[in-house]
Amino acid sequence: MPVFAVSVAAALDGEVVAGAVIDVMRDELFCAHRDGGARCNGEAIAVSSCDRLADALAVTGFSYNAELRARQGAVAQRLLPLARDVRCFGSSAIELCWVACARADGYYERDIKIWDYSAGALIAAEAGAMIELPCPENDDLLVAAAPRVFADLRAAVELEPD
């Protein structure tokens, strides 16, 4: 699938302060810096105004770990009837940028590496998305979404206990 990116983030004292994602196949450069908004090819971008999970297009990715992927599949199955649609393209950086420019309304993924999401998460946040970054307390979950669908998406993608 021709969906891949070059993604670079800069951190200062542990906080991501700048990021850029190049969608090579579409010749799009997404970028942002802390408190500076987000842009695509120089034009300001913003998240969607979607206000219901039932109308939201969610994008996600899956772990390479088979056991976790099976649990993630159950989450996607639970989300499918709640959202307009769920899709997976394979590049977290691009999917986060698509949330930033309103091509998707929300993104979620587990077992994702910091280098895969840092720039895209900053770009989405600077475009107005609500963001929850992965940590041990949330079972390594990253969620980025339009503000009015964030809480419902977040609740829908919670892992079932083992």
C-alpha atoms as a PDB file:
ATOM      1  CA  MET A   1       0.000   0.000   0.000  1.00  0.00           C
ATOM      2  CA  PRO A   2       1.461   3.361  -0.936  1.00  0.00           C
ATOM      3  CA  VAL A   3       0.872   4.981   2.464  1.00  0.00           C
ATOM      4  CA  PHE A   4       4.115   5.920   4.174  1.00  0.00           C
ATOM      5  CA  ALA A   5       5.722   9.004   5.624  1.00  0.00           C
ATOM      6  CA  VAL A   6       8.875  10.626   6.819  1.00  0.00           C
ATOM      7  CA  SER A   7       8.216  11.906  10.329  1.00  0.00           C
ATOM      8  CA  VAL A   8      10.518  14.088  12.438  1.00  0.00           C
ATOM      9  CA  ALA A   9       9.884  15.606  15.861  1.00  0.00           C
ATOM     10  CA  ALA A  10      12.003  17.864  18.044  1.00  0.00           C
ATOM     11  CA  ALA A  11      11.771  17.742  21.827  1.00  0.00           C
ATOM     12  CA  LEU A  12      13.022  20.183  24.416  1.00  0.00           C
ATOM     13  CA  ASP A  13      13.245  19.006  28.035  1.00  0.00           C
ATOM     14  CA  GLY A  14      11.118  15.968  27.166  1.00  0.00           C
ATOM     15  CA  GLU A  15       8.317  17.949  25.491  1.00  0.00           C
ATOM     16  CA  VAL A  16       7.732  17.767  21.734  1.00  0.00           C
ATOM     17  CA  VAL A  17       7.944  21.340  20.466  1.00  0.00           C
ATOM     18  CA  ALA A  18       8.044  20.896  16.688  1.00  0.00           C
ATOM     19  CA  GLY A  19       7.164  18.242  14.173  1.00  0.00           C
ATOM     20  CA  ALA A  20       6.901  17.569  10.472  1.00  0.00           C
ATOM     21  CA  VAL A  21       5.363  14.699   8.531  1.00  0.00           C
ATOM     22  CA  ILE A  22       5.847  14.303   4.794  1.00  0.00           C
ATOM     23  CA  ASP A  23       3.255  12.194   3.005  1.00  0.00           C
ATOM     24  CA  VAL A  24       5.580  11.217   0.188  1.00  0.00           C
ATOM     25  CA  MET A  25       2.983   9.797  -2.217  1.00  0.00           C
ATOM     26  CA  ARG A  26       0.670  12.812  -1.933  1.00  0.00           C
ATOM     27  CA  ASP A  27       3.447  15.423  -1.811  1.00  0.00           C
ATOM     28  CA  GLU A  28       2.028  16.911   1.394  1.00  0.00           C
ATOM     29  CA  LEU A  29       4.062  18.436   4.193  1.00  0.00           C
ATOM     30  CA  PHE A  30       2.289  18.670   7.550  1.00  0.00           C
ATOM     31  CA  CYS A  31       4.032  20.680  10.248  1.00  0.00           C
ATOM     32  CA  ALA A  32       3.480  22.364  13.589  1.00  0.00           C
ATOM     33  CA  HIS A  33       5.316  23.938  16.459  1.00  0.00           C
ATOM     34  CA  ARG A  34       4.088  24.280  20.032  1.00  0.00           C
ATOM     35  CA  ASP A  35       1.428  27.025  20.273  1.00  0.00           C
ATOM     36  CA  GLY A  36       1.815  27.831  16.562  1.00  0.00           C
ATOM     37  CA  GLY A  37      -1.062  25.966  14.930  1.00  0.00           C
ATOM     38  CA  ALA A  38      -0.726  23.295  12.267  1.00  0.00           C
ATOM     39  CA  ARG A  39      -0.257  23.515   8.526  1.00  0.00           C
ATOM     40  CA  CYS A  40      -0.371  21.386   5.397  1.00  0.00           C
ATOM     41  CA  ASN A  41       1.750  22.717   2.538  1.00  0.00           C
ATOM     42  CA  GLY A  42       1.763  26.103   4.245  1.00  0.00           C
ATOM     43  CA  GLU A  43      -2.013  26.389   4.711  1.00  0.00           C
ATOM     44  CA  ALA A  44      -3.564  26.358   8.194  1.00  0.00           C
ATOM     45  CA  ILE A  45      -5.486  23.176   9.011  1.00  0.00           C
ATOM     46  CA  ALA A  46      -8.059  22.275  11.661  1.00  0.00           C
ATOM     47  CA  VAL A  47      -9.799  19.164  12.951  1.00  0.00           C
ATOM     48  CA  SER A  48     -13.329  18.301  11.915  1.00  0.00           C
ATOM     49  CA  SER A  49     -16.402  19.679  13.591  1.00  0.00           C
ATOM     50  CA  CYS A  50     -17.896  16.178  13.896  1.00  0.00           C
ATOM     51  CA  ASP A  51     -19.908  16.005  17.093  1.00  0.00           C
ATOM     52  CA  ARG A  52     -21.113  12.378  17.236  1.00  0.00           C
ATOM     53  CA  LEU A  53     -19.180   9.133  17.205  1.00  0.00           C
ATOM     54  CA  ALA A  54     -21.925   7.700  14.976  1.00  0.00           C
ATOM     55  CA  ASP A  55     -20.872  10.203  12.277  1.00  0.00           C
ATOM     56  CA  ALA A  56     -17.130   9.809  12.842  1.00  0.00           C
ATOM     57  CA  LEU A  57     -14.561   8.138  10.631  1.00  0.00           C
ATOM     58  CA  ALA A  58     -11.996   6.506  12.913  1.00  0.00           C
ATOM     59  CA  VAL A  59      -8.566   5.326  11.799  1.00  0.00           C
ATOM     60  CA  THR A  60      -6.317   2.903  13.616  1.00  0.00           C
ATOM     61  CA  GLY A  61      -3.403   0.534  13.391  1.00  0.00           C
ATOM     62  CA  PHE A  62      -2.599  -2.851  14.853  1.00  0.00           C
ATOM     63  CA  SER A  63       0.309  -4.271  16.803  1.00  0.00           C
ATOM     64  CA  TYR A  64       2.750  -6.752  15.306  1.00  0.00           C
ATOM     65  CA  ASN A  65       2.222  -8.824  18.490  1.00  0.00           C
ATOM     66  CA  ALA A  66      -0.388 -11.458  17.546  1.00  0.00           C
ATOM     67  CA  GLU A  67      -1.930 -11.720  21.015  1.00  0.00           C
ATOM     68  CA  LEU A  68      -2.403  -7.953  21.332  1.00  0.00           C
ATOM     69  CA  ARG A  69      -3.594  -7.728  17.719  1.00  0.00           C
ATOM     70  CA  ALA A  70      -6.369 -10.208  18.545  1.00  0.00           C
ATOM     71  CA  ARG A  71      -7.478  -8.001  21.453  1.00  0.00           C
ATOM     72  CA  GLN A  72      -7.277  -4.940  19.187  1.00  0.00           C
ATOM     73  CA  GLY A  73      -9.468  -6.749  16.656  1.00  0.00           C
ATOM     74  CA  ALA A  74     -12.123  -7.187  19.333  1.00  0.00           C
ATOM     75  CA  VAL A  75     -11.940  -3.431  20.047  1.00  0.00           C
ATOM     76  CA  ALA A  76     -12.378  -2.625  16.351  1.00  0.00           C
ATOM     77  CA  GLN A  77     -15.315  -5.044  16.148  1.00  0.00           C
ATOM     78  CA  ARG A  78     -16.949  -3.268  19.101  1.00  0.00           C
ATOM     79  CA  LEU A  79     -16.311   0.170  17.549  1.00  0.00           C
ATOM     80  CA  LEU A  80     -17.614  -0.652  14.055  1.00  0.00           C
ATOM     81  CA  PRO A  81     -21.339  -0.331  14.842  1.00  0.00           C
ATOM     82  CA  LEU A  82     -20.730   2.789  16.955  1.00  0.00           C
ATOM     83  CA  ALA A  83     -18.817   4.833  14.353  1.00  0.00           C
ATOM     84  CA  ARG A  84     -19.509   5.745  10.734  1.00  0.00           C
ATOM     85  CA  ASP A  85     -16.522   3.583   9.754  1.00  0.00           C
ATOM     86  CA  VAL A  86     -13.145   2.313  10.945  1.00  0.00           C
ATOM     87  CA  ARG A  87     -10.172   2.151   8.598  1.00  0.00           C
ATOM     88  CA  CYS A  88      -6.500   1.192   8.819  1.00  0.00           C
ATOM     89  CA  PHE A  89      -3.905   2.564   6.406  1.00  0.00           C
ATOM     90  CA  GLY A  90      -0.630   1.613   8.091  1.00  0.00           C
ATOM     91  CA  SER A  91       1.030   4.932   8.916  1.00  0.00           C
ATOM     92  CA  SER A  92       0.250   6.411  12.311  1.00  0.00           C
ATOM     93  CA  ALA A  93       2.011   9.658  11.382  1.00  0.00           C
ATOM     94  CA  ILE A  94      -0.211  10.152   8.331  1.00  0.00           C
ATOM     95  CA  GLU A  95      -3.368   9.033  10.126  1.00  0.00           C
ATOM     96  CA  LEU A  96      -2.733  11.588  12.880  1.00  0.00           C
ATOM     97  CA  CYS A  97      -2.233  14.268  10.233  1.00  0.00           C
ATOM     98  CA  TRP A  98      -5.500  13.217   8.600  1.00  0.00           C
ATOM     99  CA  VAL A  99      -7.213  13.868  11.933  1.00  0.00           C
ATOM    100  CA  ALA A 100      -5.468  17.257  11.978  1.00  0.00           C
ATOM    101  CA  CYS A 101      -6.867  18.235   8.562  1.00  0.00           C
ATOM    102  CA  ALA A 102     -10.347  16.704   9.079  1.00  0.00           C
ATOM    103  CA  ARG A 103      -9.976  13.769   6.671  1.00  0.00           C
ATOM    104  CA  ALA A 104     -10.642  11.539   9.688  1.00  0.00           C
ATOM    105  CA  ASP A 105     -12.425  12.411  12.922  1.00  0.00           C
ATOM    106  CA  GLY A 106     -10.429  10.250  15.292  1.00  0.00           C
ATOM    107  CA  TYR A 107      -7.430   7.954  15.589  1.00  0.00           C
ATOM    108  CA  TYR A 108      -6.502   5.338  18.162  1.00  0.00           C
ATOM    109  CA  GLU A 109      -3.773   2.749  18.488  1.00  0.00           C
ATOM    110  CA  ARG A 110      -1.894   0.696  21.069  1.00  0.00           C
ATOM    111  CA  ASP A 111       1.656  -0.625  21.099  1.00  0.00           C
ATOM    112  CA  ILE A 112       2.961   2.288  19.062  1.00  0.00           C
ATOM    113  CA  LYS A 113       6.485   3.680  19.172  1.00  0.00           C
ATOM    114  CA  ILE A 114       7.252   7.265  20.132  1.00  0.00           C
ATOM    115  CA  TRP A 115       9.020   7.895  16.829  1.00  0.00           C
ATOM    116  CA  ASP A 116       5.853   6.857  14.974  1.00  0.00           C
ATOM    117  CA  TYR A 117       3.513   9.290  16.703  1.00  0.00           C
ATOM    118  CA  SER A 118       5.434  12.266  18.158  1.00  0.00           C
ATOM    119  CA  ALA A 119       5.273  14.610  15.168  1.00  0.00           C
ATOM    120  CA  GLY A 120       1.746  13.577  14.134  1.00  0.00           C
ATOM    121  CA  ALA A 121       0.367  13.919  17.658  1.00  0.00           C
ATOM    122  CA  LEU A 122       1.745  17.460  17.937  1.00  0.00           C
ATOM    123  CA  ILE A 123       0.328  18.363  14.521  1.00  0.00           C
ATOM    124  CA  ALA A 124      -3.094  16.983  15.493  1.00  0.00           C
ATOM    125  CA  ALA A 125      -3.037  18.782  18.848  1.00  0.00           C
ATOM    126  CA  GLU A 126      -2.047  22.074  17.219  1.00  0.00           C
ATOM    127  CA  ALA A 127      -4.917  21.627  14.745  1.00  0.00           C
ATOM    128  CA  GLY A 128      -7.358  21.378  17.671  1.00  0.00           C
ATOM    129  CA  ALA A 129      -7.546  17.647  18.380  1.00  0.00           C
ATOM    130  CA  MET A 130      -7.781  16.326  21.894  1.00  0.00           C
ATOM    131  CA  ILE A 131      -4.889  13.941  22.543  1.00  0.00           C
ATOM    132  CA  GLU A 132      -4.172  11.195  25.043  1.00  0.00           C
ATOM    133  CA  LEU A 133      -0.637   9.867  24.770  1.00  0.00           C
ATOM    134  CA  PRO A 134       0.400   6.283  25.527  1.00  0.00           C
ATOM    135  CA  CYS A 135       1.456   5.470  29.081  1.00  0.00           C
ATOM    136  CA  PRO A 136       1.286   2.485  31.451  1.00  0.00           C
ATOM    137  CA  GLU A 137      -1.865   3.872  33.098  1.00  0.00           C
ATOM    138  CA  ASN A 138      -3.873   3.701  29.840  1.00  0.00           C
ATOM    139  CA  ASP A 139      -2.523   0.368  28.557  1.00  0.00           C
ATOM    140  CA  ASP A 140      -0.267   2.139  26.026  1.00  0.00           C
ATOM    141  CA  LEU A 141      -3.183   3.805  24.193  1.00  0.00           C
ATOM    142  CA  LEU A 142      -2.895   6.802  21.904  1.00  0.00           C
ATOM    143  CA  VAL A 143      -6.128   8.626  21.062  1.00  0.00           C
ATOM    144  CA  ALA A 144      -6.488  11.777  18.968  1.00  0.00           C
ATOM    145  CA  ALA A 145      -9.893  13.095  17.953  1.00  0.00           C
ATOM    146  CA  ALA A 146     -12.094  16.049  17.239  1.00  0.00           C
ATOM    147  CA  PRO A 147     -13.033  17.474  20.645  1.00  0.00           C
ATOM    148  CA  ARG A 148     -16.725  16.519  20.524  1.00  0.00           C
ATOM    149  CA  VAL A 149     -16.083  12.850  19.688  1.00  0.00           C
ATOM    150  CA  PHE A 150     -12.981  12.299  21.820  1.00  0.00           C
ATOM    151  CA  ALA A 151     -14.713  11.052  24.998  1.00  0.00           C
ATOM    152  CA  ASP A 152     -16.978   8.607  23.168  1.00  0.00           C
ATOM    153  CA  LEU A 153     -14.131   7.283  21.015  1.00  0.00           C
ATOM    154  CA  ARG A 154     -11.896   6.956  24.056  1.00  0.00           C
ATOM    155  CA  ALA A 155     -14.556   4.981  25.929  1.00  0.00           C
ATOM    156  CA  ALA A 156     -15.255   2.742  22.930  1.00  0.00           C
ATOM    157  CA  VAL A 157     -11.620   1.673  22.452  1.00  0.00           C
ATOM    158  CA  GLU A 158     -10.921   0.564  26.011  1.00  0.00           C
ATOM    159  CA  LEU A 159      -9.418  -2.936  26.104  1.00  0.00           C
ATOM    160  CA  GLU A 160     -11.443  -5.683  27.722  1.00  0.00           C
ATOM    161  CA  PRO A 161      -9.657  -7.270  30.700  1.00  0.00           C
ATOM    162  CA  ASP A 162      -7.573 -10.389  29.931  1.00  0.00           C
END
